[in-house]
């Protein structure tokens, strides 16, 4: 019986693991779990005889792939997959997949929640501001962007989006104003939510040239990866504009400087929280198990990323 390893430093919910096990067992596959491991050596040992691997934010590098001599497929339960060495996997003909859309609602709700939290003076009793009638720019109109637009419309916001990889009609059919030029998105948006993958083209993309275009009270919302944000630019705009604010689902490397100098103008989650809901946890885990079964039984490579 082929072994499928679920290796998660941050474990799935118990019910999710049980559901994954049921899916895999029904297909004649066995499930093994490595949870809350504290040393890489534990992962290297556990993966030795695995044919399939399901992970979350766990780092799968050349060393892990070299140790996994039977490995045929890796599924990252979530949208981002920059924690997997795609080149090393491809060299071994190991298929790498993600589970796009499964965490989208959780991430979108977190983005809106952080906006409300900062707007209401972090619930410290002081008067705050509302989102109604404000403008939201969505930079990257994928699964998360679409849900963000739905929630924002419900809150009475005017929504813009920029995504050169999405047909304008798809954006416009959602009642969102399509902006062909990314600069126009930032010029018109009091809030900009960044929903981009981290890759060679996007790293450092959000810079002072864009941020300085934002209207008064401009607020950058990052629920993607910190590498997308040029941190020197963020510090520059913080210093030049007393109205600029920054919200992020992952603390930047310059966190200490921001905390020291710009009180009340930022919020960073203690750790990455975008996918940390029971529903997203379960959805992503079950999708990963189904994709393992689909590939090993039928050769289905839907959602392959390498």
Protein backbone atom coordinates (compact mmCIF):
# COMPACT_ATOMS: atom_id res chain seq x y z
CA UNK A 1 0.00 0.00 0.00
CA UNK A 2 1.44 3.36 -1.04
CA UNK A 3 2.21 5.71 1.83
CA UNK A 4 1.05 9.32 1.79
CA UNK A 5 2.79 11.51 4.35
CA UNK A 6 1.04 14.54 5.81
CA UNK A 7 3.94 16.61 7.17
CA UNK A 8 2.77 19.73 8.97
CA UNK A 9 4.62 21.87 11.46
CA UNK A 10 1.26 23.62 11.90
CA UNK A 11 -1.13 20.65 11.96
CA UNK A 12 -4.43 20.34 10.18
CA UNK A 13 -7.51 20.13 12.36
CA UNK A 14 -8.19 16.62 13.63
CA UNK A 15 -11.39 16.39 11.58
CA UNK A 16 -9.46 17.40 8.45
CA UNK A 17 -6.87 14.65 9.00
CA UNK A 18 -9.65 12.12 9.52
CA UNK A 19 -11.33 13.23 6.29
CA UNK A 20 -8.05 13.06 4.38
CA UNK A 21 -7.44 9.60 5.74
CA UNK A 22 -10.88 8.44 4.60
CA UNK A 23 -10.28 9.74 1.07
CA UNK A 24 -6.85 8.15 0.82
CA UNK A 25 -7.87 4.83 2.42
CA UNK A 26 -10.83 4.48 0.06
CA UNK A 27 -8.34 4.72 -2.82
CA UNK A 28 -6.13 2.05 -1.31
CA UNK A 29 -3.53 4.47 0.03
CA UNK A 30 -2.22 4.66 3.59
CA UNK A 31 -1.84 7.91 5.51
CA UNK A 32 0.97 8.75 7.91
CA UNK A 33 1.24 12.04 9.81
CA UNK A 34 4.19 14.03 11.07
CA UNK A 35 2.83 16.92 13.12
CA UNK A 36 4.47 19.70 15.12
CA UNK A 37 7.93 18.44 14.27
CA UNK A 38 10.76 20.58 15.61
CA UNK A 39 13.75 19.27 13.69
CA UNK A 40 14.27 18.79 9.97
CA UNK A 41 15.76 15.35 10.62
CA UNK A 42 12.28 14.12 11.61
CA UNK A 43 10.93 15.15 8.19
CA UNK A 44 13.88 13.57 6.37
CA UNK A 45 13.24 10.26 8.11
CA UNK A 46 9.46 10.30 7.66
CA UNK A 47 9.56 11.09 3.95
CA UNK A 48 11.96 8.27 2.99
CA UNK A 49 9.27 5.80 1.89
CA UNK A 50 6.46 8.20 0.98
CA UNK A 51 5.01 8.25 -2.55
CA UNK A 52 2.90 11.32 -1.85
CA UNK A 53 3.47 14.31 0.41
CA UNK A 54 0.93 16.84 1.69
CA UNK A 55 2.29 19.96 3.37
CA UNK A 56 1.21 23.43 4.46
CA UNK A 57 3.96 26.05 4.94
CA UNK A 58 6.62 23.39 5.45
CA UNK A 59 9.84 23.93 3.51
CA UNK A 60 10.58 21.23 0.95
CA UNK A 61 14.09 21.81 -0.36
CA UNK A 62 16.70 19.78 -2.25
CA UNK A 63 17.68 17.86 0.88
CA UNK A 64 14.11 16.72 1.57
CA UNK A 65 13.58 15.71 -2.05
CA UNK A 66 16.85 13.77 -2.08
CA UNK A 67 15.71 11.88 1.02
CA UNK A 68 12.35 10.98 -0.56
CA UNK A 69 13.43 8.39 -3.10
CA UNK A 70 9.89 7.06 -3.72
CA UNK A 71 8.19 10.43 -3.97
CA UNK A 72 5.91 11.04 -6.96
CA UNK A 73 3.78 14.01 -5.91
CA UNK A 74 3.84 16.94 -3.47
CA UNK A 75 0.68 18.90 -2.75
CA UNK A 76 0.92 22.22 -0.95
CA UNK A 77 -2.43 22.66 0.81
CA UNK A 78 -2.90 26.33 0.00
CA UNK A 79 -2.33 28.75 -2.85
CA UNK A 80 1.31 29.78 -2.42
CA UNK A 81 4.02 27.25 -3.19
CA UNK A 82 7.25 29.22 -2.85
CA UNK A 83 8.19 26.92 0.05
CA UNK A 84 8.79 24.07 -2.42
CA UNK A 85 11.95 23.79 -4.53
CA UNK A 86 10.23 23.34 -7.90
CA UNK A 87 13.50 22.91 -9.79
CA UNK A 88 14.63 20.06 -7.56
CA UNK A 89 11.22 18.40 -7.80
CA UNK A 90 11.11 18.69 -11.59
CA UNK A 91 14.58 17.17 -11.89
CA UNK A 92 13.16 14.06 -10.22
CA UNK A 93 9.89 14.14 -12.24
CA UNK A 94 7.97 14.82 -9.04
CA UNK A 95 4.68 16.63 -9.68
CA UNK A 96 4.03 19.64 -7.44
CA UNK A 97 0.51 20.99 -6.98
CA UNK A 98 -1.26 23.62 -4.91
CA UNK A 99 -4.94 23.84 -3.92
CA UNK A 100 -6.03 27.25 -5.25
CA UNK A 101 -9.20 28.79 -3.90
CA UNK A 102 -9.54 26.59 -0.82
CA UNK A 103 -8.22 29.29 1.54
CA UNK A 104 -9.57 32.24 -0.45
CA UNK A 105 -12.51 33.15 1.75
CA UNK A 106 -10.44 32.96 4.92
CA UNK A 107 -7.78 35.27 3.47
CA UNK A 108 -10.34 37.74 2.13
CA UNK A 109 -12.16 37.91 5.46
CA UNK A 110 -8.87 38.45 7.29
CA UNK A 111 -7.97 41.35 5.00
CA UNK A 112 -11.29 43.07 5.65
CA UNK A 113 -11.07 42.28 9.36
CA UNK A 114 -7.64 43.89 9.66
CA UNK A 115 -8.89 46.97 7.81
CA UNK A 116 -11.79 47.33 10.26
CA UNK A 117 -9.50 46.73 13.24
CA UNK A 118 -7.05 49.44 12.24
CA UNK A 119 -9.85 51.84 11.23
CA UNK A 120 -11.46 51.48 14.65
CA UNK A 121 -8.23 52.48 16.40
CA UNK A 122 -7.51 48.83 17.22
CA UNK A 123 -10.56 48.85 19.51
CA UNK A 124 -8.87 51.11 22.07
CA UNK A 125 -11.98 53.18 22.73
CA UNK A 126 -11.07 56.12 20.49
CA UNK A 127 -13.20 57.23 17.54
CA UNK A 128 -12.38 55.57 14.24
CA UNK A 129 -13.54 55.57 10.63
CA UNK A 130 -15.82 53.42 8.50
CA UNK A 131 -15.20 51.54 5.26
CA UNK A 132 -18.51 52.57 3.67
CA UNK A 133 -18.04 54.92 0.70
CA UNK A 134 -14.27 54.36 0.69
CA UNK A 135 -12.36 53.00 -2.33
CA UNK A 136 -10.69 49.61 -2.43
CA UNK A 137 -8.13 48.59 -5.04
CA UNK A 138 -7.51 44.89 -5.55
CA UNK A 139 -4.04 44.20 -6.96
CA UNK A 140 -4.37 40.65 -8.27
CA UNK A 141 -7.91 39.52 -9.10
CA UNK A 142 -7.84 35.80 -8.43
CA UNK A 143 -9.96 33.74 -6.04
CA UNK A 144 -9.18 35.99 -3.07
CA UNK A 145 -9.73 39.17 -5.08
CA UNK A 146 -13.18 38.07 -6.23
CA UNK A 147 -14.33 37.36 -2.68
CA UNK A 148 -12.79 40.61 -1.42
CA UNK A 149 -14.83 42.48 -4.02
CA UNK A 150 -18.03 40.75 -2.87
CA UNK A 151 -17.44 41.64 0.78
CA UNK A 152 -16.36 45.20 -0.04
CA UNK A 153 -19.48 45.77 -2.12
CA UNK A 154 -21.55 44.54 0.81
CA UNK A 155 -19.85 47.15 2.99
CA UNK A 156 -20.68 49.90 0.52
CA UNK A 157 -17.17 50.37 -0.89
CA UNK A 158 -16.29 51.31 -4.46
CA UNK A 159 -14.01 48.62 -5.87
CA UNK A 160 -11.27 48.75 -8.50
CA UNK A 161 -9.00 45.93 -9.68
CA UNK A 162 -5.85 45.45 -11.72
CA UNK A 163 -4.80 42.09 -13.09
CA UNK A 164 -3.30 41.81 -16.60
CA UNK A 165 -3.86 38.04 -16.53
CA UNK A 166 -7.65 38.28 -16.06
CA UNK A 167 -10.04 39.27 -18.84
CA UNK A 168 -11.50 42.73 -18.14
CA UNK A 169 -15.01 41.39 -18.71
CA UNK A 170 -14.62 38.94 -15.81
CA UNK A 171 -13.72 41.81 -13.50
CA UNK A 172 -16.43 44.12 -14.84
CA UNK A 173 -19.11 41.42 -14.62
CA UNK A 174 -18.46 41.37 -10.86
CA UNK A 175 -19.31 45.05 -10.66
CA UNK A 176 -15.66 45.99 -10.27
CA UNK A 177 -13.95 48.77 -12.24
CA UNK A 178 -11.04 47.36 -14.24
CA UNK A 179 -7.86 49.46 -14.25
CA UNK A 180 -5.46 48.58 -17.07
CA UNK A 181 -2.66 50.69 -15.60
CA UNK A 182 -1.55 49.65 -12.12
CA UNK A 183 -0.68 53.28 -11.34
CA UNK A 184 -4.30 54.27 -11.84
CA UNK A 185 -5.32 51.59 -9.34
CA UNK A 186 -3.12 53.13 -6.66
CA UNK A 187 -4.15 56.70 -7.53
CA UNK A 188 -7.84 55.92 -7.03
CA UNK A 189 -7.71 53.56 -4.05
CA UNK A 190 -7.70 54.61 -0.40
CA UNK A 191 -7.07 50.95 0.40
CA UNK A 192 -5.06 48.59 -1.79
CA UNK A 193 -5.13 44.86 -1.10
CA UNK A 194 -2.16 43.00 -2.56
CA UNK A 195 -3.04 39.46 -3.62
CA UNK A 196 -0.08 38.38 -5.73
CA UNK A 197 2.10 35.26 -5.77
CA UNK A 198 5.74 35.66 -4.80
CA UNK A 199 8.00 35.12 -7.81
CA UNK A 200 10.88 36.79 -9.62
CA UNK A 201 8.55 39.28 -11.29
CA UNK A 202 6.57 40.29 -8.21
CA UNK A 203 9.24 40.46 -5.49
CA UNK A 204 9.70 44.09 -4.47
CA UNK A 205 6.99 45.17 -6.94
CA UNK A 206 5.10 47.30 -4.43
CA UNK A 207 7.42 50.28 -4.12
CA UNK A 208 7.44 54.00 -3.33
CA UNK A 209 6.48 54.91 -6.89
CA UNK A 210 3.15 53.15 -6.41
CA UNK A 211 2.54 53.86 -2.74
CA UNK A 212 3.15 57.58 -3.09
CA UNK A 213 0.27 57.75 -5.59
CA UNK A 214 -2.35 56.69 -3.03
CA UNK A 215 -4.94 59.25 -1.86
CA UNK A 216 -4.96 60.74 1.63
CA UNK A 217 -5.22 58.01 4.24
CA UNK A 218 -3.71 55.49 1.85
CA UNK A 219 -3.60 52.05 3.44
CA UNK A 220 -1.66 49.09 2.05
CA UNK A 221 -3.11 45.67 2.92
CA UNK A 222 -0.84 42.67 2.37
CA UNK A 223 -2.26 39.17 2.80
CA UNK A 224 0.19 37.65 0.33
CA UNK A 225 3.96 37.39 0.93
CA UNK A 226 6.24 39.97 2.52
CA UNK A 227 8.75 39.63 -0.34
CA UNK A 228 6.31 41.40 -2.66
CA UNK A 229 6.67 44.59 -0.66
CA UNK A 230 9.79 46.76 -1.01
CA UNK A 231 10.30 47.47 2.68
CA UNK A 232 12.67 50.40 2.12
CA UNK A 233 9.89 52.01 0.11
CA UNK A 234 7.38 51.40 2.90
CA UNK A 235 9.68 53.12 5.40
CA UNK A 236 10.23 56.00 2.98
CA UNK A 237 6.49 56.57 2.49
CA UNK A 238 5.83 56.24 6.24
CA UNK A 239 8.35 59.04 6.84
CA UNK A 240 7.14 61.27 4.02
CA UNK A 241 3.40 60.84 4.62
CA UNK A 242 1.90 61.03 8.09
CA UNK A 243 -1.37 59.63 6.71
CA UNK A 244 0.07 56.39 5.25
CA UNK A 245 -0.76 53.09 6.95
CA UNK A 246 0.31 49.48 6.47
CA UNK A 247 -1.50 46.25 7.39
CA UNK A 248 0.14 42.89 6.82
CA UNK A 249 -0.60 39.24 7.49
CA UNK A 250 3.11 38.71 8.01
CA UNK A 251 5.41 41.03 9.91
CA UNK A 252 7.99 42.78 7.70
CA UNK A 253 11.70 42.59 8.47
CA UNK A 254 11.55 46.30 9.35
CA UNK A 255 8.83 45.67 11.96
CA UNK A 256 10.87 47.07 14.87
CA UNK A 257 11.50 50.38 13.13
CA UNK A 258 7.82 50.73 12.19
CA UNK A 259 6.69 49.92 15.73
CA UNK A 260 9.13 52.43 17.18
CA UNK A 261 8.28 55.35 14.91
CA UNK A 262 4.76 55.00 13.51
CA UNK A 263 2.41 54.11 16.35
CA UNK A 264 -1.23 53.63 15.39
CA UNK A 265 -0.50 53.44 11.66
CA UNK A 266 0.09 49.71 11.25
CA UNK A 267 -1.04 46.26 12.22
CA UNK A 268 0.83 42.97 11.75
CA UNK A 269 -0.54 39.57 12.73
CA UNK A 270 1.65 37.65 15.23
CA UNK A 271 2.08 34.90 12.62
CA UNK A 272 0.63 34.28 9.18
CA UNK A 273 -3.09 33.87 9.75
CA UNK A 274 -4.70 33.97 6.30
CA UNK A 275 -5.55 30.28 6.10
CA UNK A 276 -6.05 29.79 9.82
CA UNK A 277 -9.75 28.95 9.95
CA UNK A 278 -11.36 25.59 10.55
CA UNK A 279 -13.10 25.78 7.19
CA UNK A 280 -10.01 26.68 5.15
CA UNK A 281 -7.95 24.14 7.02
CA UNK A 282 -10.40 21.38 6.16
CA UNK A 283 -11.07 22.50 2.59
CA UNK A 284 -7.39 22.64 1.67
CA UNK A 285 -6.57 19.32 3.32
CA UNK A 286 -9.41 17.42 1.65
CA UNK A 287 -8.59 18.99 -1.72
CA UNK A 288 -4.95 17.93 -1.34
CA UNK A 289 -5.97 14.34 -0.58
CA UNK A 290 -8.30 14.23 -3.60
CA UNK A 291 -5.56 15.58 -5.86
CA UNK A 292 -3.13 12.91 -4.62
CA UNK A 293 -5.70 10.23 -5.44
CA UNK A 294 -6.45 11.76 -8.83
CA UNK A 295 -2.82 11.85 -9.84
CA UNK A 296 -1.77 8.41 -8.54
CA UNK A 297 -4.88 6.64 -9.90
CA UNK A 298 -5.57 8.55 -13.14
CA UNK A 299 -2.53 10.71 -13.82
CA UNK A 300 -4.63 13.87 -13.33
CA UNK A 301 -2.23 16.82 -13.25
CA UNK A 302 -4.78 19.60 -12.72
CA UNK A 303 -3.23 22.29 -10.51
CA UNK A 304 0.33 21.22 -11.29
CA UNK A 305 2.66 24.20 -10.76
CA UNK A 306 6.02 22.86 -11.97
